[in-house]
Amino acid sequence: MRIITKGLIVREQHTGENDRIVTVLTRDKGIVRAFATGARRLQHKNSTGTQLLCYSDLALFRGKDSYRVDEAAPIEVFFALRGDIVKLAL
């Protein structure tokens, strides 16, 4: 089942060589953990939309046990917030 939603990436974990697990805060589903396969490669279509503190348009596929990111298009990327540890802590 495919779910289209908007969400803020609040955590990312690196798994394997090119994959990442993201924790997404969404309005309708709450907190969702999803696998983004190949997203650590720079040329991958989902690399920007699945970075930390990125507000994105997400297309998630619901599997048996977990979600998988099919598409991620960034709406707003908060790069400056990641650079300041005091702002990040607030």
PDB file of N, CA and C in Angstrom:
ATOM      1  N   MET A   1       0.842  -1.171   0.000  1.00  0.00           N
ATOM      2  CA  MET A   1       0.000   0.000   0.000  1.00  0.00           C
ATOM      3  C   MET A   1       0.889   1.237   0.000  1.00  0.00           C
ATOM      4  N   ARG A   2       0.638   2.149  -0.899  1.00  0.00           N
ATOM      5  CA  ARG A   2       1.450   3.352  -1.038  1.00  0.00           C
ATOM      6  C   ARG A   2       0.803   4.508  -0.292  1.00  0.00           C
ATOM      7  N   ILE A   3       1.607   5.239   0.474  1.00  0.00           N
ATOM      8  CA  ILE A   3       1.131   6.357   1.271  1.00  0.00           C
ATOM      9  C   ILE A   3       1.870   7.614   0.820  1.00  0.00           C
ATOM     10  N   ILE A   4       1.135   8.664   0.488  1.00  0.00           N
ATOM     11  CA  ILE A   4       1.717   9.952   0.118  1.00  0.00           C
ATOM     12  C   ILE A   4       1.527  10.882   1.306  1.00  0.00           C
ATOM     13  N   THR A   5       2.622  11.452   1.823  1.00  0.00           N
ATOM     14  CA  THR A   5       2.552  12.315   2.998  1.00  0.00           C
ATOM     15  C   THR A   5       3.697  13.309   2.977  1.00  0.00           C
ATOM     16  N   LYS A   6       3.613  14.296   3.850  1.00  0.00           N
ATOM     17  CA  LYS A   6       4.698  15.247   4.061  1.00  0.00           C
ATOM     18  C   LYS A   6       5.254  14.994   5.439  1.00  0.00           C
ATOM     19  N   GLY A   7       6.579  15.121   5.595  1.00  0.00           N
ATOM     20  CA  GLY A   7       7.166  14.846   6.891  1.00  0.00           C
ATOM     21  C   GLY A   7       8.538  15.473   7.063  1.00  0.00           C
ATOM     22  N   LEU A   8       8.948  15.584   8.311  1.00  0.00           N
ATOM     23  CA  LEU A   8      10.248  16.117   8.686  1.00  0.00           C
ATOM     24  C   LEU A   8      11.136  14.960   9.108  1.00  0.00           C
ATOM     25  N   ILE A   9      12.306  14.858   8.506  1.00  0.00           N
ATOM     26  CA  ILE A   9      13.265  13.814   8.864  1.00  0.00           C
ATOM     27  C   ILE A   9      13.930  14.222  10.161  1.00  0.00           C
ATOM     28  N   VAL A  10      13.677  13.490  11.246  1.00  0.00           N
ATOM     29  CA  VAL A  10      14.228  13.848  12.552  1.00  0.00           C
ATOM     30  C   VAL A  10      15.422  12.987  12.949  1.00  0.00           C
ATOM     31  N   ARG A  11      15.646  11.887  12.228  1.00  0.00           N
ATOM     32  CA  ARG A  11      16.795  11.036  12.526  1.00  0.00           C
ATOM     33  C   ARG A  11      17.151  10.224  11.287  1.00  0.00           C
ATOM     34  N   GLU A  12      18.452  10.033  11.092  1.00  0.00           N
ATOM     35  CA  GLU A  12      18.905   9.176  10.007  1.00  0.00           C
ATOM     36  C   GLU A  12      20.010   8.274  10.526  1.00  0.00           C
ATOM     37  N   GLN A  13      19.967   7.023  10.113  1.00  0.00           N
ATOM     38  CA  GLN A  13      20.974   6.033  10.474  1.00  0.00           C
ATOM     39  C   GLN A  13      21.510   5.427   9.189  1.00  0.00           C
ATOM     40  N   HIS A  14      22.828   5.253   9.150  1.00  0.00           N
ATOM     41  CA  HIS A  14      23.444   4.629   7.991  1.00  0.00           C
ATOM     42  C   HIS A  14      23.448   3.120   8.178  1.00  0.00           C
ATOM     43  N   THR A  15      23.005   2.415   7.165  1.00  0.00           N
ATOM     44  CA  THR A  15      23.044   0.954   7.166  1.00  0.00           C
ATOM     45  C   THR A  15      23.638   0.502   5.850  1.00  0.00           C
ATOM     46  N   GLY A  16      24.518  -0.441   5.922  1.00  0.00           N
ATOM     47  CA  GLY A  16      25.149  -0.922   4.705  1.00  0.00           C
ATOM     48  C   GLY A  16      26.019   0.149   4.074  1.00  0.00           C
ATOM     49  N   GLU A  17      26.289   0.004   2.788  1.00  0.00           N
ATOM     50  CA  GLU A  17      27.135   0.969   2.095  1.00  0.00           C
ATOM     51  C   GLU A  17      26.351   2.156   1.555  1.00  0.00           C
ATOM     52  N   ASN A  18      25.143   1.937   1.084  1.00  0.00           N
ATOM     53  CA  ASN A  18      24.405   3.002   0.404  1.00  0.00           C
ATOM     54  C   ASN A  18      23.014   3.267   0.964  1.00  0.00           C
ATOM     55  N   ASP A  19      22.628   2.604   2.027  1.00  0.00           N
ATOM     56  CA  ASP A  19      21.262   2.717   2.526  1.00  0.00           C
ATOM     57  C   ASP A  19      21.225   3.544   3.805  1.00  0.00           C
ATOM     58  N   ARG A  20      20.026   4.028   4.112  1.00  0.00           N
ATOM     59  CA  ARG A  20      19.820   4.707   5.390  1.00  0.00           C
ATOM     60  C   ARG A  20      18.417   4.414   5.897  1.00  0.00           C
ATOM     61  N   ILE A  21      18.299   4.434   7.208  1.00  0.00           N
ATOM     62  CA  ILE A  21      16.999   4.307   7.867  1.00  0.00           C
ATOM     63  C   ILE A  21      16.652   5.690   8.389  1.00  0.00           C
ATOM     64  N   VAL A  22      15.488   6.184   8.034  1.00  0.00           N
ATOM     65  CA  VAL A  22      15.084   7.520   8.460  1.00  0.00           C
ATOM     66  C   VAL A  22      13.883   7.417   9.393  1.00  0.00           C
ATOM     67  N   THR A  23      13.860   8.317  10.356  1.00  0.00           N
ATOM     68  CA  THR A  23      12.709   8.473  11.236  1.00  0.00           C
ATOM     69  C   THR A  23      12.017   9.758  10.819  1.00  0.00           C
ATOM     70  N   VAL A  24      10.754   9.644  10.446  1.00  0.00           N
ATOM     71  CA  VAL A  24      10.013  10.761   9.870  1.00  0.00           C
ATOM     72  C   VAL A  24       8.869  11.136  10.800  1.00  0.00           C
ATOM     73  N   LEU A  25       8.727  12.436  11.063  1.00  0.00           N
ATOM     74  CA  LEU A  25       7.604  12.952  11.834  1.00  0.00           C
ATOM     75  C   LEU A  25       6.560  13.450  10.843  1.00  0.00           C
ATOM     76  N   THR A  26       5.421  12.744  10.786  1.00  0.00           N
ATOM     77  CA  THR A  26       4.352  13.105   9.849  1.00  0.00           C
ATOM     78  C   THR A  26       3.123  13.568  10.619  1.00  0.00           C
ATOM     79  N   ARG A  27       2.282  14.292   9.936  1.00  0.00           N
ATOM     80  CA  ARG A  27       1.071  14.807  10.573  1.00  0.00           C
ATOM     81  C   ARG A  27       0.028  13.711  10.752  1.00  0.00           C
ATOM     82  N   ASP A  28      -0.164  12.874   9.747  1.00  0.00           N
ATOM     83  CA  ASP A  28      -1.251  11.892   9.795  1.00  0.00           C
ATOM     84  C   ASP A  28      -0.838  10.539  10.359  1.00  0.00           C
ATOM     85  N   LYS A  29       0.430  10.142  10.228  1.00  0.00           N
ATOM     86  CA  LYS A  29       0.883   8.834  10.702  1.00  0.00           C
ATOM     87  C   LYS A  29       1.724   8.896  11.966  1.00  0.00           C
ATOM     88  N   GLY A  30       2.092  10.087  12.431  1.00  0.00           N
ATOM     89  CA  GLY A  30       2.948  10.214  13.611  1.00  0.00           C
ATOM     90  C   GLY A  30       4.395   9.957  13.231  1.00  0.00           C
ATOM     91  N   ILE A  31       5.119   9.269  14.092  1.00  0.00           N
ATOM     92  CA  ILE A  31       6.518   8.954  13.822  1.00  0.00           C
ATOM     93  C   ILE A  31       6.589   7.619  13.087  1.00  0.00           C
ATOM     94  N   VAL A  32       7.299   7.637  11.953  1.00  0.00           N
ATOM     95  CA  VAL A  32       7.414   6.470  11.081  1.00  0.00           C
ATOM     96  C   VAL A  32       8.883   6.226  10.798  1.00  0.00           C
ATOM     97  N   ARG A  33       9.315   4.971  10.895  1.00  0.00           N
ATOM     98  CA  ARG A  33      10.673   4.588  10.482  1.00  0.00           C
ATOM     99  C   ARG A  33      10.580   3.932   9.122  1.00  0.00           C
ATOM    100  N   ALA A  34      11.472   4.363   8.223  1.00  0.00           N
ATOM    101  CA  ALA A  34      11.417   3.851   6.855  1.00  0.00           C
ATOM    102  C   ALA A  34      12.823   3.611   6.323  1.00  0.00           C
ATOM    103  N   PHE A  35      12.952   2.631   5.442  1.00  0.00           N
ATOM    104  CA  PHE A  35      14.222   2.327   4.784  1.00  0.00           C
ATOM    105  C   PHE A  35      14.299   3.105   3.481  1.00  0.00           C
ATOM    106  N   ALA A  36      15.432   3.771   3.274  1.00  0.00           N
ATOM    107  CA  ALA A  36      15.687   4.472   2.019  1.00  0.00           C
ATOM    108  C   ALA A  36      16.885   3.798   1.367  1.00  0.00           C
ATOM    109  N   THR A  37      16.614   2.866   0.474  1.00  0.00           N
ATOM    110  CA  THR A  37      17.701   2.108  -0.140  1.00  0.00           C
ATOM    111  C   THR A  37      18.400   2.955  -1.196  1.00  0.00           C
ATOM    112  N   GLY A  38      19.728   2.964  -1.124  1.00  0.00           N
ATOM    113  CA  GLY A  38      20.545   3.703  -2.074  1.00  0.00           C
ATOM    114  C   GLY A  38      20.601   5.194  -1.848  1.00  0.00           C
ATOM    115  N   ALA A  39      20.029   5.700  -0.773  1.00  0.00           N
ATOM    116  CA  ALA A  39      19.906   7.142  -0.562  1.00  0.00           C
ATOM    117  C   ALA A  39      21.212   7.815  -0.158  1.00  0.00           C
ATOM    118  N   ARG A  40      22.239   7.055   0.188  1.00  0.00           N
ATOM    119  CA  ARG A  40      23.511   7.671   0.552  1.00  0.00           C
ATOM    120  C   ARG A  40      24.378   7.977  -0.666  1.00  0.00           C
ATOM    121  N   ARG A  41      24.011   7.471  -1.816  1.00  0.00           N
ATOM    122  CA  ARG A  41      24.723   7.816  -3.051  1.00  0.00           C
ATOM    123  C   ARG A  41      24.314   9.225  -3.476  1.00  0.00           C
ATOM    124  N   LEU A  42      25.270  10.036  -3.900  1.00  0.00           N
ATOM    125  CA  LEU A  42      24.989  11.429  -4.234  1.00  0.00           C
ATOM    126  C   LEU A  42      24.064  11.580  -5.433  1.00  0.00           C
ATOM    127  N   GLN A  43      24.131  10.665  -6.386  1.00  0.00           N
ATOM    128  CA  GLN A  43      23.310  10.773  -7.583  1.00  0.00           C
ATOM    129  C   GLN A  43      21.922  10.155  -7.422  1.00  0.00           C
ATOM    130  N   HIS A  44      21.628   9.582  -6.271  1.00  0.00           N
ATOM    131  CA  HIS A  44      20.334   8.918  -6.079  1.00  0.00           C
ATOM    132  C   HIS A  44      19.216   9.956  -5.970  1.00  0.00           C
ATOM    133  N   LYS A  45      18.044   9.619  -6.469  1.00  0.00           N
ATOM    134  CA  LYS A  45      16.919  10.569  -6.486  1.00  0.00           C
ATOM    135  C   LYS A  45      16.413  10.919  -5.087  1.00  0.00           C
ATOM    136  N   ASN A  46      16.643  10.044  -4.093  1.00  0.00           N
ATOM    137  CA  ASN A  46      16.144  10.294  -2.743  1.00  0.00           C
ATOM    138  C   ASN A  46      17.212  10.803  -1.778  1.00  0.00           C
ATOM    139  N   SER A  47      18.397  11.127  -2.251  1.00  0.00           N
ATOM    140  CA  SER A  47      19.477  11.495  -1.327  1.00  0.00           C
ATOM    141  C   SER A  47      19.194  12.818  -0.618  1.00  0.00           C
ATOM    142  N   THR A  48      18.701  13.824  -1.298  1.00  0.00           N
ATOM    143  CA  THR A  48      18.443  15.120  -0.666  1.00  0.00           C
ATOM    144  C   THR A  48      17.186  15.076   0.194  1.00  0.00           C
ATOM    145  N   GLY A  49      16.169  14.428  -0.247  1.00  0.00           N
ATOM    146  CA  GLY A  49      14.897  14.406   0.466  1.00  0.00           C
ATOM    147  C   GLY A  49      14.882  13.568   1.724  1.00  0.00           C
ATOM    148  N   THR A  50      15.935  12.772   1.959  1.00  0.00           N
ATOM    149  CA  THR A  50      15.979  11.933   3.156  1.00  0.00           C
ATOM    150  C   THR A  50      17.111  12.325   4.101  1.00  0.00           C
ATOM    151  N   GLN A  51      17.640  13.544   3.962  1.00  0.00           N
ATOM    152  CA  GLN A  51      18.683  14.004   4.874  1.00  0.00           C
ATOM    153  C   GLN A  51      18.068  14.528   6.161  1.00  0.00           C
ATOM    154  N   LEU A  52      18.897  14.631   7.184  1.00  0.00           N
ATOM    155  CA  LEU A  52      18.457  15.102   8.503  1.00  0.00           C
ATOM    156  C   LEU A  52      17.904  16.517   8.420  1.00  0.00           C
ATOM    157  N   LEU A  53      16.800  16.763   9.098  1.00  0.00           N
ATOM    158  CA  LEU A  53      16.105  18.043   9.171  1.00  0.00           C
ATOM    159  C   LEU A  53      15.711  18.577   7.801  1.00  0.00           C
ATOM    160  N   CYS A  54      15.137  17.710   7.014  1.00  0.00           N
ATOM    161  CA  CYS A  54      14.627  18.080   5.703  1.00  0.00           C
ATOM    162  C   CYS A  54      13.116  17.824   5.704  1.00  0.00           C
ATOM    163  N   TYR A  55      12.343  18.855   5.363  1.00  0.00           N
ATOM    164  CA  TYR A  55      10.891  18.712   5.250  1.00  0.00           C
ATOM    165  C   TYR A  55      10.593  18.293   3.822  1.00  0.00           C
ATOM    166  N   SER A  56      10.028  17.112   3.648  1.00  0.00           N
ATOM    167  CA  SER A  56       9.920  16.518   2.312  1.00  0.00           C
ATOM    168  C   SER A  56       8.520  16.022   2.013  1.00  0.00           C
ATOM    169  N   ASP A  57       8.259  15.927   0.733  1.00  0.00           N
ATOM    170  CA  ASP A  57       7.089  15.224   0.204  1.00  0.00           C
ATOM    171  C   ASP A  57       7.513  13.779   0.026  1.00  0.00           C
ATOM    172  N   LEU A  58       6.872  12.839   0.712  1.00  0.00           N
ATOM    173  CA  LEU A  58       7.316  11.449   0.723  1.00  0.00           C
ATOM    174  C   LEU A  58       6.249  10.519   0.151  1.00  0.00           C
ATOM    175  N   ALA A  59       6.718   9.546  -0.574  1.00  0.00           N
ATOM    176  CA  ALA A  59       5.866   8.447  -1.019  1.00  0.00           C
ATOM    177  C   ALA A  59       6.420   7.201  -0.344  1.00  0.00           C
ATOM    178  N   LEU A  60       5.679   6.674   0.624  1.00  0.00           N
ATOM    179  CA  LEU A  60       6.114   5.524   1.411  1.00  0.00           C
ATOM    180  C   LEU A  60       5.336   4.287   0.980  1.00  0.00           C
ATOM    181  N   PHE A  61       6.023   3.189   0.913  1.00  0.00           N
ATOM    182  CA  PHE A  61       5.400   1.909   0.597  1.00  0.00           C
ATOM    183  C   PHE A  61       5.360   1.073   1.860  1.00  0.00           C
ATOM    184  N   ARG A  62       4.196   0.616   2.237  1.00  0.00           N
ATOM    185  CA  ARG A  62       4.029  -0.183   3.451  1.00  0.00           C
ATOM    186  C   ARG A  62       4.264  -1.651   3.109  1.00  0.00           C
ATOM    187  N   GLY A  63       5.304  -2.240   3.728  1.00  0.00           N
ATOM    188  CA  GLY A  63       5.573  -3.658   3.566  1.00  0.00           C
ATOM    189  C   GLY A  63       4.933  -4.445   4.694  1.00  0.00           C
ATOM    190  N   LYS A  64       5.395  -5.663   4.913  1.00  0.00           N
ATOM    191  CA  LYS A  64       4.848  -6.483   5.998  1.00  0.00           C
ATOM    192  C   LYS A  64       5.193  -5.897   7.367  1.00  0.00           C
ATOM    193  N   ASP A  65       6.470  -5.564   7.565  1.00  0.00           N
ATOM    194  CA  ASP A  65       6.927  -5.124   8.880  1.00  0.00           C
ATOM    195  C   ASP A  65       7.352  -3.673   8.936  1.00  0.00           C
ATOM    196  N   SER A  66       7.630  -3.051   7.803  1.00  0.00           N
ATOM    197  CA  SER A  66       8.199  -1.706   7.833  1.00  0.00           C
ATOM    198  C   SER A  66       7.774  -0.914   6.601  1.00  0.00           C
ATOM    199  N   TYR A  67       8.218   0.338   6.572  1.00  0.00           N
ATOM    200  CA  TYR A  67       7.968   1.210   5.435  1.00  0.00           C
ATOM    201  C   TYR A  67       9.235   1.312   4.601  1.00  0.00           C
ATOM    202  N   ARG A  68       9.058   1.656   3.319  1.00  0.00           N
ATOM    203  CA  ARG A  68      10.171   1.881   2.416  1.00  0.00           C
ATOM    204  C   ARG A  68       9.897   3.177   1.664  1.00  0.00           C
ATOM    205  N   VAL A  69      10.927   4.012   1.507  1.00  0.00           N
ATOM    206  CA  VAL A  69      10.781   5.284   0.804  1.00  0.00           C
ATOM    207  C   VAL A  69      10.874   5.023  -0.694  1.00  0.00           C
ATOM    208  N   ASP A  70       9.789   5.297  -1.409  1.00  0.00           N
ATOM    209  CA  ASP A  70       9.796   5.180  -2.865  1.00  0.00           C
ATOM    210  C   ASP A  70      10.306   6.476  -3.497  1.00  0.00           C
ATOM    211  N   GLU A  71       9.767   7.601  -3.045  1.00  0.00           N
ATOM    212  CA  GLU A  71      10.154   8.909  -3.569  1.00  0.00           C
ATOM    213  C   GLU A  71      10.237   9.898  -2.426  1.00  0.00           C
ATOM    214  N   ALA A  72      11.197  10.820  -2.526  1.00  0.00           N
ATOM    215  CA  ALA A  72      11.346  11.881  -1.539  1.00  0.00           C
ATOM    216  C   ALA A  72      11.766  13.155  -2.245  1.00  0.00           C
ATOM    217  N   ALA A  73      10.902  14.151  -2.221  1.00  0.00           N
ATOM    218  CA  ALA A  73      11.191  15.441  -2.843  1.00  0.00           C
ATOM    219  C   ALA A  73      11.254  16.500  -1.752  1.00  0.00           C
ATOM    220  N   PRO A  74      12.381  17.183  -1.607  1.00  0.00           N
ATOM    221  CA  PRO A  74      12.501  18.172  -0.529  1.00  0.00           C
ATOM    222  C   PRO A  74      11.627  19.394  -0.772  1.00  0.00           C
ATOM    223  N   ILE A  75      10.952  19.833   0.280  1.00  0.00           N
ATOM    224  CA  ILE A  75      10.175  21.071   0.236  1.00  0.00           C
ATOM    225  C   ILE A  75      11.018  22.187   0.856  1.00  0.00           C
ATOM    226  N   GLU A  76      11.592  21.919   2.018  1.00  0.00           N
ATOM    227  CA  GLU A  76      12.443  22.876   2.732  1.00  0.00           C
ATOM    228  C   GLU A  76      13.599  22.114   3.363  1.00  0.00           C
ATOM    229  N   VAL A  77      14.808  22.604   3.155  1.00  0.00           N
ATOM    230  CA  VAL A  77      16.003  21.976   3.724  1.00  0.00           C
ATOM    231  C   VAL A  77      16.604  22.954   4.721  1.00  0.00           C
ATOM    232  N   PHE A  78      16.772  22.520   5.960  1.00  0.00           N
ATOM    233  CA  PHE A  78      17.259  23.375   7.030  1.00  0.00           C
ATOM    234  C   PHE A  78      18.755  23.130   7.272  1.00  0.00           C
ATOM    235  N   PHE A  79      19.605  23.530   6.300  1.00  0.00           N
ATOM    236  CA  PHE A  79      21.041  23.327   6.424  1.00  0.00           C
ATOM    237  C   PHE A  79      21.649  24.176   7.534  1.00  0.00           C
ATOM    238  N   ALA A  80      21.230  25.425   7.670  1.00  0.00           N
ATOM    239  CA  ALA A  80      21.813  26.324   8.669  1.00  0.00           C
ATOM    240  C   ALA A  80      21.529  25.846  10.087  1.00  0.00           C
ATOM    241  N   LEU A  81      20.406  25.209  10.288  1.00  0.00           N
ATOM    242  CA  LEU A  81      20.056  24.704  11.611  1.00  0.00           C
ATOM    243  C   LEU A  81      20.985  23.583  12.047  1.00  0.00           C
ATOM    244  N   ARG A  82      21.429  22.769  11.098  1.00  0.00           N
ATOM    245  CA  ARG A  82      22.349  21.676  11.424  1.00  0.00           C
ATOM    246  C   ARG A  82      23.728  22.190  11.806  1.00  0.00           C
ATOM    247  N   GLY A  83      24.105  23.368  11.357  1.00  0.00           N
ATOM    248  CA  GLY A  83      25.423  23.906  11.628  1.00  0.00           C
ATOM    249  C   GLY A  83      25.576  24.524  13.001  1.00  0.00           C
ATOM    250  N   ASP A  84      24.494  24.918  13.658  1.00  0.00           N
ATOM    251  CA  ASP A  84      24.542  25.570  14.966  1.00  0.00           C
ATOM    252  C   ASP A  84      24.001  24.608  16.022  1.00  0.00           C
ATOM    253  N   ILE A  85      24.868  24.140  16.908  1.00  0.00           N
ATOM    254  CA  ILE A  85      24.466  23.130  17.908  1.00  0.00           C
ATOM    255  C   ILE A  85      23.475  23.693  18.924  1.00  0.00           C
ATOM    256  N   VAL A  86      23.543  24.992  19.232  1.00  0.00           N
ATOM    257  CA  VAL A  86      22.617  25.587  20.196  1.00  0.00           C
ATOM    258  C   VAL A  86      21.211  25.620  19.616  1.00  0.00           C
ATOM    259  N   LYS A  87      21.071  26.042  18.349  1.00  0.00           N
ATOM    260  CA  LYS A  87      19.758  26.048  17.698  1.00  0.00           C
ATOM    261  C   LYS A  87      19.213  24.640  17.543  1.00  0.00           C
ATOM    262  N   LEU A  88      20.087  23.707  17.249  1.00  0.00           N
ATOM    263  CA  LEU A  88      19.683  22.317  17.086  1.00  0.00           C
ATOM    264  C   LEU A  88      19.165  21.728  18.405  1.00  0.00           C
ATOM    265  N   ALA A  89      19.789  22.113  19.510  1.00  0.00           N
ATOM    266  CA  ALA A  89      19.361  21.617  20.821  1.00  0.00           C
ATOM    267  C   ALA A  89      18.000  22.166  21.217  1.00  0.00           C
ATOM    268  N   LEU A  90      17.687  23.395  20.790  1.00  0.00           N
ATOM    269  CA  LEU A  90      16.385  23.977  21.121  1.00  0.00           C
ATOM    270  C   LEU A  90      15.294  23.324  20.327  1.00  0.00           C
TER     271      LEU A  90
END
